[in-house]
Amino acid sequence: MSTPTETPAPGPVASPGRRRLLLALAAGALVAVLVVVAVLLGGDDDDDRKPTSGASSTSSAPTDTAVPPPLPTPEPTGPTEDADELPAPLPEAALDATVDAGNGVAASLPSIRGIQGSATGPGNIAGPAVQVTVRISNGSAAAISLGGVAVNMYYSDERTPASPLDDPSQRPFAGMLDPGQSAEGVYVFSVPAEARDMVTVEVGYQAGAPLVLFTGPVR
C-alpha cells in the first residue's frame, strides 16, 4: 500500500496593498537616483560656464594717466621794464593851444564848454557837466589807431577827477587815422558849475605816449 505524497503548503500571497507600497518605494528610490545624477551633471555644466577666478567677465580699455607736458611760456613782445609806470606828462598848455604829442602827432581842443548833462545809462546822474571836443592830427608817415586814445578831466586846484557822463552827445574816438588826416572825439564829464574856474583835460593818443595837458577856465 503506497504512502500518499505530501503537497507543500502554498506561501503567503502578497496582498494588493502591499504590492502597491513596494512599487511606490521602488519608484521613489529611482526618482532619488535620477535627481542625484541630474544635480551632479548640472553642477559640472555650471562649473564649465563659470569664468575662472583669474579672468574678468568684461575687459576694460587701459586708462591713459600720462600728464601732457606744459606749454612753453611765450616770450614778451612789449616793454618789460617800468610797465606800470605812467608816461611823463608834457608841460601844461592853454585850452586853445595845439600841442605836439611826439612822432608827428598833435592834439588840440576845438571846443570846450559847460552844458547840462543828461543821464542815459546806469550809474549816470544828470547835472552840470563839461563837454570837450578833442582833435588828433596825424603828421606821421604811418596810420595810427584811435582805439587807444584816453581822455580824462580834472577840476579845481586839487585836480579832482571828473566822472565821465554817458551823455547822448559824446562820440569817443575809434578806428584808424591815416597820415595827414585829423579826427575828433567828443567827451562829457560831470563838473560842478562853481568848479569850472580851473579845468584840466588830459589826452594820451596811445599807450606809452606823453600825456598832453590843457588847463584853463571853462564858461
N, C-alpha and C. Protein backbone atom coordinates (compact mmCIF):
# COMPACT_ATOMS: atom_id res chain seq x y z
N MET A 1 0.86 -1.16 0.00
CA MET A 1 0.00 0.00 0.00
C MET A 1 0.88 1.19 0.00
N SER A 2 0.62 2.03 -0.99
CA SER A 2 1.50 3.21 -1.17
C SER A 2 1.14 4.30 -0.23
N THR A 3 2.28 5.10 0.15
CA THR A 3 2.07 6.23 1.08
C THR A 3 1.72 7.45 0.30
N PRO A 4 0.73 8.18 0.61
CA PRO A 4 0.33 9.39 -0.16
C PRO A 4 1.40 10.46 -0.08
N THR A 5 1.65 11.12 -1.29
CA THR A 5 2.66 12.20 -1.39
C THR A 5 2.12 13.47 -0.81
N GLU A 6 3.01 14.12 0.04
CA GLU A 6 2.56 15.36 0.69
C GLU A 6 2.81 16.57 -0.24
N THR A 7 1.80 17.31 -0.41
CA THR A 7 1.89 18.56 -1.24
C THR A 7 2.24 19.72 -0.33
N PRO A 8 3.40 20.50 -0.69
CA PRO A 8 3.78 21.60 0.20
C PRO A 8 2.73 22.67 0.23
N ALA A 9 2.57 23.22 1.39
CA ALA A 9 1.56 24.29 1.56
C ALA A 9 1.98 25.54 0.83
N PRO A 10 1.10 26.14 0.11
CA PRO A 10 1.44 27.39 -0.62
C PRO A 10 1.85 28.51 0.31
N GLY A 11 2.90 29.38 -0.14
CA GLY A 11 3.35 30.53 0.69
C GLY A 11 2.30 31.60 0.75
N PRO A 12 2.57 32.47 1.61
CA PRO A 12 1.60 33.58 1.77
C PRO A 12 1.57 34.44 0.53
N VAL A 13 0.41 34.78 0.08
CA VAL A 13 0.21 35.63 -1.12
C VAL A 13 0.17 37.09 -0.69
N ALA A 14 1.04 37.93 -1.41
CA ALA A 14 1.07 39.38 -1.05
C ALA A 14 -0.25 40.01 -1.42
N SER A 15 -0.68 40.79 -0.56
CA SER A 15 -1.94 41.50 -0.79
C SER A 15 -1.75 42.62 -1.79
N PRO A 16 -2.79 43.08 -2.48
CA PRO A 16 -2.65 44.21 -3.44
C PRO A 16 -2.10 45.46 -2.79
N GLY A 17 -2.46 45.76 -1.58
CA GLY A 17 -1.95 46.97 -0.92
C GLY A 17 -0.47 46.89 -0.71
N ARG A 18 0.03 45.70 -0.34
CA ARG A 18 1.47 45.57 -0.11
C ARG A 18 2.24 45.75 -1.40
N ARG A 19 1.66 45.19 -2.51
CA ARG A 19 2.35 45.34 -3.80
C ARG A 19 2.44 46.82 -4.20
N ARG A 20 1.40 47.56 -3.98
CA ARG A 20 1.43 49.00 -4.34
C ARG A 20 2.48 49.74 -3.52
N LEU A 21 2.63 49.34 -2.24
CA LEU A 21 3.61 50.00 -1.39
C LEU A 21 5.02 49.72 -1.87
N LEU A 22 5.27 48.46 -2.26
CA LEU A 22 6.59 48.11 -2.75
C LEU A 22 6.91 48.84 -4.05
N LEU A 23 5.89 48.91 -4.95
CA LEU A 23 6.12 49.64 -6.21
C LEU A 23 6.40 51.13 -5.95
N ALA A 24 5.69 51.68 -4.99
CA ALA A 24 5.90 53.10 -4.68
C ALA A 24 7.27 53.34 -4.12
N LEU A 25 7.76 52.44 -3.25
CA LEU A 25 9.10 52.61 -2.69
C LEU A 25 10.16 52.49 -3.76
N ALA A 26 9.95 51.52 -4.67
CA ALA A 26 10.93 51.35 -5.76
C ALA A 26 10.96 52.56 -6.67
N ALA A 27 9.77 53.10 -6.98
CA ALA A 27 9.72 54.29 -7.84
C ALA A 27 10.37 55.47 -7.16
N GLY A 28 10.14 55.62 -5.85
CA GLY A 28 10.76 56.74 -5.13
C GLY A 28 12.26 56.65 -5.13
N ALA A 29 12.78 55.43 -4.93
CA ALA A 29 14.24 55.26 -4.95
C ALA A 29 14.80 55.60 -6.32
N LEU A 30 14.08 55.21 -7.38
CA LEU A 30 14.56 55.51 -8.73
C LEU A 30 14.59 57.01 -8.98
N VAL A 31 13.54 57.69 -8.53
CA VAL A 31 13.49 59.16 -8.71
C VAL A 31 14.63 59.83 -7.97
N ALA A 32 14.92 59.36 -6.75
CA ALA A 32 16.01 59.94 -5.98
C ALA A 32 17.34 59.77 -6.68
N VAL A 33 17.54 58.57 -7.27
CA VAL A 33 18.80 58.33 -8.00
C VAL A 33 18.90 59.25 -9.20
N LEU A 34 17.78 59.44 -9.90
CA LEU A 34 17.80 60.32 -11.08
C LEU A 34 18.08 61.76 -10.68
N VAL A 35 17.53 62.21 -9.56
CA VAL A 35 17.77 63.59 -9.11
C VAL A 35 19.23 63.80 -8.77
N VAL A 36 19.83 62.82 -8.07
CA VAL A 36 21.25 62.94 -7.72
C VAL A 36 22.10 63.02 -8.97
N VAL A 37 21.80 62.17 -9.95
CA VAL A 37 22.57 62.18 -11.21
C VAL A 37 22.42 63.51 -11.92
N ALA A 38 21.19 64.04 -11.95
CA ALA A 38 20.97 65.33 -12.63
C ALA A 38 21.72 66.45 -11.96
N VAL A 39 21.71 66.45 -10.62
CA VAL A 39 22.43 67.51 -9.89
C VAL A 39 23.91 67.45 -10.18
N LEU A 40 24.46 66.24 -10.19
CA LEU A 40 25.90 66.11 -10.46
C LEU A 40 26.24 66.57 -11.86
N LEU A 41 25.40 66.16 -12.81
CA LEU A 41 25.67 66.59 -14.20
C LEU A 41 25.48 68.10 -14.35
N GLY A 42 24.44 68.65 -13.71
CA GLY A 42 24.21 70.10 -13.80
C GLY A 42 25.32 70.89 -13.16
N GLY A 43 25.87 70.40 -12.04
CA GLY A 43 26.98 71.11 -11.38
C GLY A 43 28.19 71.18 -12.26
N ASP A 44 28.46 70.11 -13.01
CA ASP A 44 29.60 70.14 -13.92
C ASP A 44 29.41 71.17 -15.00
N ASP A 45 28.14 71.26 -15.53
CA ASP A 45 27.88 72.25 -16.57
C ASP A 45 28.06 73.65 -16.05
N ASP A 46 27.55 73.90 -14.78
CA ASP A 46 27.69 75.25 -14.21
C ASP A 46 29.13 75.61 -14.02
N ASP A 47 29.96 74.61 -13.57
CA ASP A 47 31.37 74.88 -13.37
C ASP A 47 32.05 75.22 -14.68
N ASP A 48 31.58 74.56 -15.79
CA ASP A 48 32.17 74.86 -17.09
C ASP A 48 31.80 76.26 -17.56
N ARG A 49 30.56 76.74 -17.20
CA ARG A 49 30.12 78.05 -17.66
C ARG A 49 30.70 79.18 -16.82
N LYS A 50 31.10 78.91 -15.58
CA LYS A 50 31.61 79.99 -14.71
C LYS A 50 32.99 80.42 -15.16
N PRO A 51 33.26 81.77 -15.18
CA PRO A 51 34.61 82.23 -15.54
C PRO A 51 35.58 81.88 -14.43
N THR A 52 36.78 81.67 -14.79
CA THR A 52 37.82 81.38 -13.80
C THR A 52 38.06 82.60 -12.95
N SER A 53 38.57 82.35 -11.72
CA SER A 53 38.75 83.44 -10.78
C SER A 53 39.77 84.45 -11.25
N GLY A 54 40.69 84.04 -12.10
CA GLY A 54 41.74 84.96 -12.54
C GLY A 54 41.35 85.79 -13.74
N ALA A 55 40.19 85.50 -14.37
CA ALA A 55 39.79 86.23 -15.57
C ALA A 55 38.58 87.06 -15.27
N SER A 56 38.44 88.21 -15.88
CA SER A 56 37.30 89.09 -15.70
C SER A 56 36.30 88.83 -16.80
N SER A 57 34.99 88.94 -16.46
CA SER A 57 33.97 88.68 -17.45
C SER A 57 33.94 89.76 -18.52
N THR A 58 34.37 90.96 -18.21
CA THR A 58 34.43 92.04 -19.20
C THR A 58 35.82 92.62 -19.19
N SER A 59 36.22 93.08 -20.36
CA SER A 59 37.55 93.69 -20.48
C SER A 59 37.38 95.19 -20.60
N SER A 60 38.21 95.95 -19.93
CA SER A 60 38.16 97.41 -19.99
C SER A 60 39.44 97.92 -20.61
N ALA A 61 39.25 99.03 -21.39
CA ALA A 61 40.42 99.62 -22.06
C ALA A 61 41.32 100.25 -21.02
N PRO A 62 42.61 100.17 -21.20
CA PRO A 62 43.53 100.79 -20.24
C PRO A 62 43.38 102.31 -20.22
N THR A 63 43.42 102.93 -19.04
CA THR A 63 43.27 104.36 -18.88
C THR A 63 44.63 105.04 -19.01
N ASP A 64 44.64 106.08 -19.89
CA ASP A 64 45.88 106.81 -20.10
C ASP A 64 46.01 107.88 -19.03
N THR A 65 46.93 107.67 -18.11
CA THR A 65 47.12 108.61 -16.99
C THR A 65 48.33 109.50 -17.20
N ALA A 66 48.88 109.49 -18.40
CA ALA A 66 50.06 110.32 -18.64
C ALA A 66 49.67 111.79 -18.63
N VAL A 67 50.44 112.65 -17.99
CA VAL A 67 50.19 114.09 -17.92
C VAL A 67 50.91 114.77 -19.07
N PRO A 68 50.15 115.58 -19.91
CA PRO A 68 50.81 116.24 -21.04
C PRO A 68 51.84 117.24 -20.55
N PRO A 69 52.89 117.43 -21.30
CA PRO A 69 53.92 118.40 -20.87
C PRO A 69 53.38 119.81 -20.91
N PRO A 70 53.84 120.71 -20.02
CA PRO A 70 53.34 122.09 -20.00
C PRO A 70 53.72 122.82 -21.27
N LEU A 71 52.82 123.76 -21.68
CA LEU A 71 53.09 124.56 -22.86
C LEU A 71 54.24 125.53 -22.59
N PRO A 72 55.03 125.83 -23.60
CA PRO A 72 56.14 126.77 -23.38
C PRO A 72 55.63 128.17 -23.08
N THR A 73 56.34 128.88 -22.25
CA THR A 73 55.96 130.25 -21.90
C THR A 73 56.33 131.19 -23.04
N PRO A 74 55.31 131.97 -23.55
CA PRO A 74 55.62 132.87 -24.68
C PRO A 74 56.58 133.97 -24.26
N GLU A 75 57.41 134.35 -25.19
CA GLU A 75 58.34 135.45 -24.94
C GLU A 75 57.60 136.78 -25.00
N PRO A 76 57.86 137.70 -24.08
CA PRO A 76 57.18 139.00 -24.13
C PRO A 76 57.61 139.78 -25.35
N THR A 77 56.60 140.48 -25.94
CA THR A 77 56.89 141.27 -27.14
C THR A 77 56.90 142.76 -26.86
N GLY A 78 56.43 143.19 -25.66
CA GLY A 78 56.40 144.60 -25.33
C GLY A 78 57.48 144.97 -24.36
N PRO A 79 57.43 146.17 -23.83
CA PRO A 79 58.44 146.58 -22.84
C PRO A 79 58.31 145.77 -21.57
N THR A 80 59.43 145.39 -21.00
CA THR A 80 59.42 144.57 -19.78
C THR A 80 59.88 145.35 -18.56
N GLU A 81 60.21 146.62 -18.71
CA GLU A 81 60.65 147.44 -17.58
C GLU A 81 59.70 148.60 -17.39
N ASP A 82 59.37 148.89 -16.12
CA ASP A 82 58.50 150.00 -15.76
C ASP A 82 57.17 149.93 -16.49
N ALA A 83 56.59 148.70 -16.60
CA ALA A 83 55.35 148.54 -17.34
C ALA A 83 54.19 149.24 -16.66
N ASP A 84 54.25 149.38 -15.32
CA ASP A 84 53.15 150.02 -14.57
C ASP A 84 53.37 151.52 -14.39
N GLU A 85 54.46 152.05 -14.89
CA GLU A 85 54.77 153.47 -14.69
C GLU A 85 54.13 154.30 -15.79
N LEU A 86 53.37 155.33 -15.41
CA LEU A 86 52.71 156.20 -16.38
C LEU A 86 53.73 157.07 -17.09
N PRO A 87 53.47 157.37 -18.39
CA PRO A 87 54.40 158.26 -19.10
C PRO A 87 54.40 159.66 -18.50
N ALA A 88 55.52 160.34 -18.58
CA ALA A 88 55.62 161.70 -18.03
C ALA A 88 54.78 162.65 -18.87
N PRO A 89 53.98 163.53 -18.23
CA PRO A 89 53.17 164.49 -18.99
C PRO A 89 54.03 165.60 -19.57
N LEU A 90 53.52 166.17 -20.66
CA LEU A 90 54.18 167.34 -21.26
C LEU A 90 53.81 168.58 -20.45
N PRO A 91 54.54 169.69 -20.62
CA PRO A 91 54.18 170.92 -19.90
C PRO A 91 52.74 171.33 -20.21
N GLU A 92 52.07 171.91 -19.23
CA GLU A 92 50.68 172.31 -19.41
C GLU A 92 50.56 173.38 -20.49
N ALA A 93 49.43 173.29 -21.22
CA ALA A 93 49.17 174.25 -22.29
C ALA A 93 47.79 174.85 -22.09
N ALA A 94 47.54 175.98 -22.75
CA ALA A 94 46.23 176.63 -22.67
C ALA A 94 45.19 175.78 -23.37
N LEU A 95 43.93 176.02 -23.01
CA LEU A 95 42.86 175.23 -23.59
C LEU A 95 42.75 175.40 -25.11
N ASP A 96 43.21 176.54 -25.64
CA ASP A 96 43.10 176.78 -27.08
C ASP A 96 44.40 176.50 -27.82
N ALA A 97 45.36 175.83 -27.19
CA ALA A 97 46.65 175.57 -27.84
C ALA A 97 46.61 174.26 -28.61
N THR A 98 47.60 174.14 -29.53
CA THR A 98 47.84 172.88 -30.24
C THR A 98 49.19 172.35 -29.76
N VAL A 99 49.21 171.10 -29.28
CA VAL A 99 50.39 170.54 -28.62
C VAL A 99 50.91 169.36 -29.43
N ASP A 100 52.24 169.37 -29.66
CA ASP A 100 52.89 168.23 -30.32
C ASP A 100 53.06 167.11 -29.31
N ALA A 101 52.43 165.97 -29.58
CA ALA A 101 52.50 164.83 -28.67
C ALA A 101 53.62 163.87 -29.02
N GLY A 102 54.44 164.19 -30.02
CA GLY A 102 55.54 163.31 -30.42
C GLY A 102 55.20 162.48 -31.64
N ASN A 103 56.26 162.11 -32.39
CA ASN A 103 56.11 161.29 -33.59
C ASN A 103 55.22 161.93 -34.65
N GLY A 104 55.15 163.27 -34.65
CA GLY A 104 54.35 163.97 -35.64
C GLY A 104 52.87 164.04 -35.34
N VAL A 105 52.46 163.56 -34.15
CA VAL A 105 51.05 163.58 -33.77
C VAL A 105 50.80 164.79 -32.89
N ALA A 106 49.72 165.53 -33.16
CA ALA A 106 49.38 166.73 -32.39
C ALA A 106 47.97 166.61 -31.85
N ALA A 107 47.72 167.30 -30.72
CA ALA A 107 46.40 167.30 -30.09
C ALA A 107 45.96 168.72 -29.83
N SER A 108 44.65 168.96 -29.93
CA SER A 108 44.09 170.28 -29.65
C SER A 108 42.64 170.10 -29.21
N LEU A 109 42.05 171.19 -28.66
CA LEU A 109 40.67 171.17 -28.19
C LEU A 109 39.88 172.22 -28.97
N PRO A 110 39.24 171.83 -30.07
CA PRO A 110 38.47 172.81 -30.85
C PRO A 110 37.31 173.41 -30.08
N SER A 111 36.76 172.66 -29.10
CA SER A 111 35.61 173.17 -28.36
C SER A 111 35.62 172.60 -26.95
N ILE A 112 35.32 173.45 -25.96
CA ILE A 112 35.13 173.01 -24.57
C ILE A 112 34.15 173.99 -23.93
N ARG A 113 33.06 173.47 -23.36
CA ARG A 113 32.01 174.33 -22.83
C ARG A 113 31.22 173.61 -21.75
N GLY A 114 30.57 174.41 -20.91
CA GLY A 114 29.71 173.86 -19.89
C GLY A 114 28.33 173.55 -20.44
N ILE A 115 27.74 172.42 -20.05
CA ILE A 115 26.41 172.03 -20.50
C ILE A 115 25.64 171.43 -19.32
N GLN A 116 24.35 171.19 -19.53
CA GLN A 116 23.55 170.44 -18.58
C GLN A 116 23.51 169.00 -19.09
N GLY A 117 24.29 168.13 -18.45
CA GLY A 117 24.42 166.76 -18.93
C GLY A 117 23.17 165.93 -18.69
N SER A 118 22.95 164.97 -19.58
CA SER A 118 21.83 164.04 -19.46
C SER A 118 22.33 162.69 -18.98
N ALA A 119 21.49 161.99 -18.22
CA ALA A 119 21.85 160.67 -17.72
C ALA A 119 21.10 159.62 -18.56
N THR A 120 21.84 158.84 -19.35
CA THR A 120 21.21 157.85 -20.23
C THR A 120 21.63 156.42 -19.91
N GLY A 121 22.47 156.20 -18.92
CA GLY A 121 22.93 154.86 -18.58
C GLY A 121 22.92 154.64 -17.09
N PRO A 122 23.06 153.37 -16.65
CA PRO A 122 23.08 153.09 -15.21
C PRO A 122 24.27 153.75 -14.53
N GLY A 123 24.04 154.34 -13.36
CA GLY A 123 25.10 154.98 -12.60
C GLY A 123 25.36 156.41 -13.00
N ASN A 124 24.70 156.90 -14.06
CA ASN A 124 24.88 158.27 -14.51
C ASN A 124 23.86 159.18 -13.83
N ILE A 125 24.29 160.40 -13.49
CA ILE A 125 23.42 161.37 -12.84
C ILE A 125 23.43 162.64 -13.67
N ALA A 126 22.25 163.05 -14.10
CA ALA A 126 22.15 164.28 -14.89
C ALA A 126 22.53 165.48 -14.03
N GLY A 127 23.14 166.49 -14.66
CA GLY A 127 23.53 167.69 -13.93
C GLY A 127 24.58 168.47 -14.67
N PRO A 128 25.18 169.46 -14.00
CA PRO A 128 26.19 170.30 -14.65
C PRO A 128 27.35 169.45 -15.16
N ALA A 129 27.81 169.77 -16.36
CA ALA A 129 28.88 168.99 -16.97
C ALA A 129 29.69 169.87 -17.90
N VAL A 130 30.82 169.32 -18.35
CA VAL A 130 31.66 169.99 -19.34
C VAL A 130 31.81 169.06 -20.53
N GLN A 131 31.52 169.61 -21.71
CA GLN A 131 31.67 168.86 -22.96
C GLN A 131 32.92 169.34 -23.69
N VAL A 132 33.81 168.41 -24.04
CA VAL A 132 35.06 168.78 -24.70
C VAL A 132 35.21 167.99 -25.99
N THR A 133 35.64 168.70 -27.04
CA THR A 133 35.94 168.07 -28.32
C THR A 133 37.46 168.02 -28.47
N VAL A 134 38.00 166.83 -28.68
CA VAL A 134 39.43 166.62 -28.82
C VAL A 134 39.74 166.30 -30.27
N ARG A 135 40.77 166.97 -30.80
CA ARG A 135 41.19 166.72 -32.19
C ARG A 135 42.59 166.10 -32.17
N ILE A 136 42.76 165.00 -32.93
CA ILE A 136 44.06 164.36 -33.11
C ILE A 136 44.45 164.51 -34.57
N SER A 137 45.65 165.03 -34.80
CA SER A 137 46.16 165.20 -36.16
C SER A 137 47.37 164.29 -36.35
N ASN A 138 47.35 163.51 -37.43
CA ASN A 138 48.43 162.56 -37.68
C ASN A 138 49.39 163.12 -38.73
N GLY A 139 50.53 163.64 -38.26
CA GLY A 139 51.55 164.14 -39.17
C GLY A 139 52.66 163.15 -39.41
N SER A 140 52.47 161.90 -38.99
CA SER A 140 53.50 160.88 -39.18
C SER A 140 53.35 160.23 -40.55
N ALA A 141 54.23 159.28 -40.84
CA ALA A 141 54.21 158.60 -42.14
C ALA A 141 53.39 157.31 -42.12
N ALA A 142 52.78 156.98 -40.99
CA ALA A 142 52.01 155.73 -40.88
C ALA A 142 50.69 156.00 -40.19
N ALA A 143 49.71 155.12 -40.46
CA ALA A 143 48.41 155.24 -39.81
C ALA A 143 48.53 154.90 -38.33
N ILE A 144 47.71 155.54 -37.53
CA ILE A 144 47.70 155.26 -36.09
C ILE A 144 46.29 154.82 -35.69
N SER A 145 46.22 154.00 -34.64
CA SER A 145 44.93 153.54 -34.14
C SER A 145 44.39 154.55 -33.13
N LEU A 146 43.10 154.87 -33.28
CA LEU A 146 42.47 155.80 -32.35
C LEU A 146 41.74 155.06 -31.23
N GLY A 147 41.76 153.72 -31.27
CA GLY A 147 41.08 152.96 -30.23
C GLY A 147 41.75 153.07 -28.88
N GLY A 148 43.02 153.51 -28.84
CA GLY A 148 43.73 153.63 -27.58
C GLY A 148 43.79 155.04 -27.04
N VAL A 149 43.06 155.99 -27.65
CA VAL A 149 43.06 157.37 -27.16
C VAL A 149 42.37 157.42 -25.80
N ALA A 150 43.02 158.06 -24.82
CA ALA A 150 42.46 158.21 -23.48
C ALA A 150 42.28 159.69 -23.18
N VAL A 151 41.08 160.05 -22.71
CA VAL A 151 40.77 161.44 -22.37
C VAL A 151 40.22 161.46 -20.95
N ASN A 152 40.83 162.26 -20.08
CA ASN A 152 40.39 162.43 -18.70
C ASN A 152 40.24 163.91 -18.38
N MET A 153 39.48 164.19 -17.33
CA MET A 153 39.27 165.59 -16.94
C MET A 153 39.37 165.71 -15.43
N TYR A 154 39.93 166.87 -14.97
CA TYR A 154 40.06 167.18 -13.55
C TYR A 154 39.56 168.61 -13.35
N TYR A 155 39.12 168.92 -12.14
CA TYR A 155 38.70 170.29 -11.86
C TYR A 155 39.20 170.73 -10.50
N SER A 156 39.28 172.06 -10.33
CA SER A 156 39.77 172.75 -9.13
C SER A 156 41.29 172.64 -9.03
N ASP A 157 41.85 173.41 -8.11
CA ASP A 157 43.30 173.38 -7.92
C ASP A 157 43.78 172.03 -7.40
N GLU A 158 42.91 171.26 -6.74
CA GLU A 158 43.27 169.93 -6.23
C GLU A 158 43.22 168.86 -7.33
N ARG A 159 42.76 169.27 -8.49
CA ARG A 159 42.61 168.34 -9.63
C ARG A 159 41.78 167.12 -9.23
N THR A 160 40.57 167.41 -8.82
CA THR A 160 39.62 166.35 -8.50
C THR A 160 39.18 165.65 -9.78
N PRO A 161 39.26 164.32 -9.85
CA PRO A 161 38.84 163.63 -11.08
C PRO A 161 37.35 163.85 -11.35
N ALA A 162 37.04 164.18 -12.60
CA ALA A 162 35.65 164.34 -13.03
C ALA A 162 35.14 163.01 -13.56
N SER A 163 33.91 162.68 -13.22
CA SER A 163 33.33 161.41 -13.65
C SER A 163 32.83 161.51 -15.09
N PRO A 164 33.18 160.54 -15.94
CA PRO A 164 32.63 160.53 -17.31
C PRO A 164 31.11 160.39 -17.25
N LEU A 165 30.43 161.07 -18.13
CA LEU A 165 28.97 161.05 -18.18
C LEU A 165 28.53 160.50 -19.53
N ASP A 166 27.63 159.52 -19.49
CA ASP A 166 27.14 158.89 -20.71
C ASP A 166 26.07 159.77 -21.35
N ASP A 167 26.49 160.94 -21.80
CA ASP A 167 25.58 161.89 -22.43
C ASP A 167 25.39 161.53 -23.91
N PRO A 168 24.21 161.77 -24.48
CA PRO A 168 23.98 161.43 -25.89
C PRO A 168 24.91 162.14 -26.87
N SER A 169 25.52 163.25 -26.45
CA SER A 169 26.37 164.00 -27.37
C SER A 169 27.78 163.43 -27.50
N GLN A 170 28.17 162.50 -26.65
CA GLN A 170 29.55 162.02 -26.70
C GLN A 170 29.78 161.12 -27.92
N ARG A 171 30.99 161.20 -28.47
CA ARG A 171 31.41 160.38 -29.61
C ARG A 171 32.89 160.03 -29.42
N PRO A 172 33.20 158.97 -28.69
CA PRO A 172 34.60 158.62 -28.44
C PRO A 172 35.34 158.26 -29.73
N PHE A 173 36.65 158.37 -29.69
CA PHE A 173 37.49 158.01 -30.84
C PHE A 173 37.35 156.52 -31.14
N ALA A 174 37.52 156.18 -32.43
CA ALA A 174 37.51 154.78 -32.86
C ALA A 174 38.13 154.71 -34.25
N GLY A 175 38.59 153.53 -34.63
CA GLY A 175 39.12 153.30 -35.98
C GLY A 175 40.57 153.71 -36.14
N MET A 176 40.98 153.88 -37.39
CA MET A 176 42.35 154.24 -37.74
C MET A 176 42.40 155.65 -38.31
N LEU A 177 43.56 156.29 -38.12
CA LEU A 177 43.76 157.65 -38.65
C LEU A 177 44.95 157.62 -39.60
N ASP A 178 44.67 157.89 -40.88
CA ASP A 178 45.71 157.83 -41.90
C ASP A 178 46.66 159.02 -41.80
N PRO A 179 47.86 158.90 -42.37
CA PRO A 179 48.80 160.03 -42.35
C PRO A 179 48.21 161.26 -43.03
N GLY A 180 48.46 162.42 -42.43
CA GLY A 180 47.96 163.68 -42.98
C GLY A 180 46.50 163.96 -42.68
N GLN A 181 45.85 163.10 -41.90
CA GLN A 181 44.44 163.29 -41.59
C GLN A 181 44.24 163.67 -40.13
N SER A 182 43.06 164.21 -39.83
CA SER A 182 42.68 164.57 -38.47
C SER A 182 41.34 163.93 -38.12
N ALA A 183 41.10 163.71 -36.84
CA ALA A 183 39.83 163.14 -36.37
C ALA A 183 39.48 163.79 -35.05
N GLU A 184 38.17 163.82 -34.73
CA GLU A 184 37.70 164.44 -33.50
C GLU A 184 36.84 163.46 -32.70
N GLY A 185 36.96 163.56 -31.39
CA GLY A 185 36.13 162.81 -30.47
C GLY A 185 35.51 163.74 -29.45
N VAL A 186 34.28 163.42 -29.02
CA VAL A 186 33.56 164.27 -28.07
C VAL A 186 33.37 163.50 -26.77
N TYR A 187 33.71 164.17 -25.65
CA TYR A 187 33.62 163.55 -24.33
C TYR A 187 32.89 164.49 -23.39
N VAL A 188 32.15 163.90 -22.41
CA VAL A 188 31.39 164.69 -21.44
C VAL A 188 31.74 164.21 -20.04
N PHE A 189 31.98 165.18 -19.14
CA PHE A 189 32.34 164.87 -17.74
C PHE A 189 31.47 165.70 -16.80
N SER A 190 31.09 165.09 -15.68
CA SER A 190 30.32 165.82 -14.68
C SER A 190 31.25 166.75 -13.91
N VAL A 191 30.96 168.06 -13.97
CA VAL A 191 31.76 169.07 -13.28
C VAL A 191 30.81 170.10 -12.67
N PRO A 192 30.87 170.35 -11.36
CA PRO A 192 30.00 171.37 -10.76
C PRO A 192 30.21 172.73 -11.42
N ALA A 193 29.12 173.47 -11.55
CA ALA A 193 29.21 174.77 -12.23
C ALA A 193 30.16 175.71 -11.52
N GLU A 194 30.23 175.63 -10.18
CA GLU A 194 31.11 176.53 -9.42
C GLU A 194 32.56 176.10 -9.43
N ALA A 195 32.87 174.95 -10.06
CA ALA A 195 34.25 174.44 -10.06
C ALA A 195 34.89 174.50 -11.44
N ARG A 196 34.36 175.32 -12.33
CA ARG A 196 34.88 175.37 -13.70
C ARG A 196 35.97 176.43 -13.90
N ASP A 197 36.37 177.12 -12.84
CA ASP A 197 37.41 178.14 -13.00
C ASP A 197 38.77 177.52 -13.32
N MET A 198 38.95 176.24 -12.95
CA MET A 198 40.22 175.57 -13.24
C MET A 198 39.89 174.13 -13.68
N VAL A 199 39.98 173.92 -14.96
CA VAL A 199 39.68 172.60 -15.53
C VAL A 199 40.92 172.12 -16.28
N THR A 200 41.27 170.86 -16.12
CA THR A 200 42.41 170.26 -16.81
C THR A 200 41.93 169.09 -17.65
N VAL A 201 42.29 169.09 -18.92
CA VAL A 201 41.96 167.99 -19.83
C VAL A 201 43.25 167.25 -20.13
N GLU A 202 43.24 165.96 -19.93
CA GLU A 202 44.42 165.10 -20.14
C GLU A 202 44.16 164.19 -21.34
N VAL A 203 45.08 164.22 -22.31
CA VAL A 203 44.90 163.44 -23.54
C VAL A 203 46.15 162.60 -23.78
N GLY A 204 45.94 161.31 -24.00
CA GLY A 204 47.01 160.40 -24.42
C GLY A 204 46.57 159.71 -25.69
N TYR A 205 47.29 159.88 -26.80
CA TYR A 205 46.81 159.34 -28.08
C TYR A 205 47.09 157.84 -28.22
N GLN A 206 48.03 157.32 -27.43
CA GLN A 206 48.26 155.87 -27.41
C GLN A 206 49.04 155.51 -26.15
N ALA A 207 49.02 154.23 -25.79
CA ALA A 207 49.72 153.79 -24.58
C ALA A 207 51.21 154.03 -24.72
N GLY A 208 51.80 154.64 -23.69
CA GLY A 208 53.23 154.92 -23.69
C GLY A 208 53.59 156.28 -24.24
N ALA A 209 52.65 156.96 -24.88
CA ALA A 209 52.93 158.30 -25.43
C ALA A 209 52.84 159.34 -24.31
N PRO A 210 53.58 160.45 -24.41
CA PRO A 210 53.49 161.50 -23.39
C PRO A 210 52.07 162.04 -23.28
N LEU A 211 51.63 162.35 -22.08
CA LEU A 211 50.30 162.90 -21.85
C LEU A 211 50.29 164.39 -22.14
N VAL A 212 49.27 164.83 -22.85
CA VAL A 212 49.10 166.25 -23.16
C VAL A 212 48.11 166.83 -22.16
N LEU A 213 48.47 167.97 -21.52
CA LEU A 213 47.63 168.61 -20.51
C LEU A 213 47.19 169.99 -20.99
N PHE A 214 45.87 170.21 -21.00
CA PHE A 214 45.31 171.51 -21.33
C PHE A 214 44.63 172.03 -20.07
N THR A 215 44.93 173.26 -19.68
CA THR A 215 44.42 173.81 -18.42
C THR A 215 43.88 175.21 -18.65
N GLY A 216 42.73 175.50 -17.97
CA GLY A 216 42.16 176.85 -18.04
C GLY A 216 40.72 176.87 -17.56
N PRO A 217 40.11 178.04 -17.53
CA PRO A 217 38.71 178.15 -17.09
C PRO A 217 37.74 177.79 -18.21
N VAL A 218 36.59 177.30 -17.80
CA VAL A 218 35.54 176.92 -18.75
C VAL A 218 34.28 177.70 -18.40
N ARG A 219 33.65 178.30 -19.38
CA ARG A 219 32.42 179.06 -19.16
C ARG A 219 31.23 178.32 -19.74
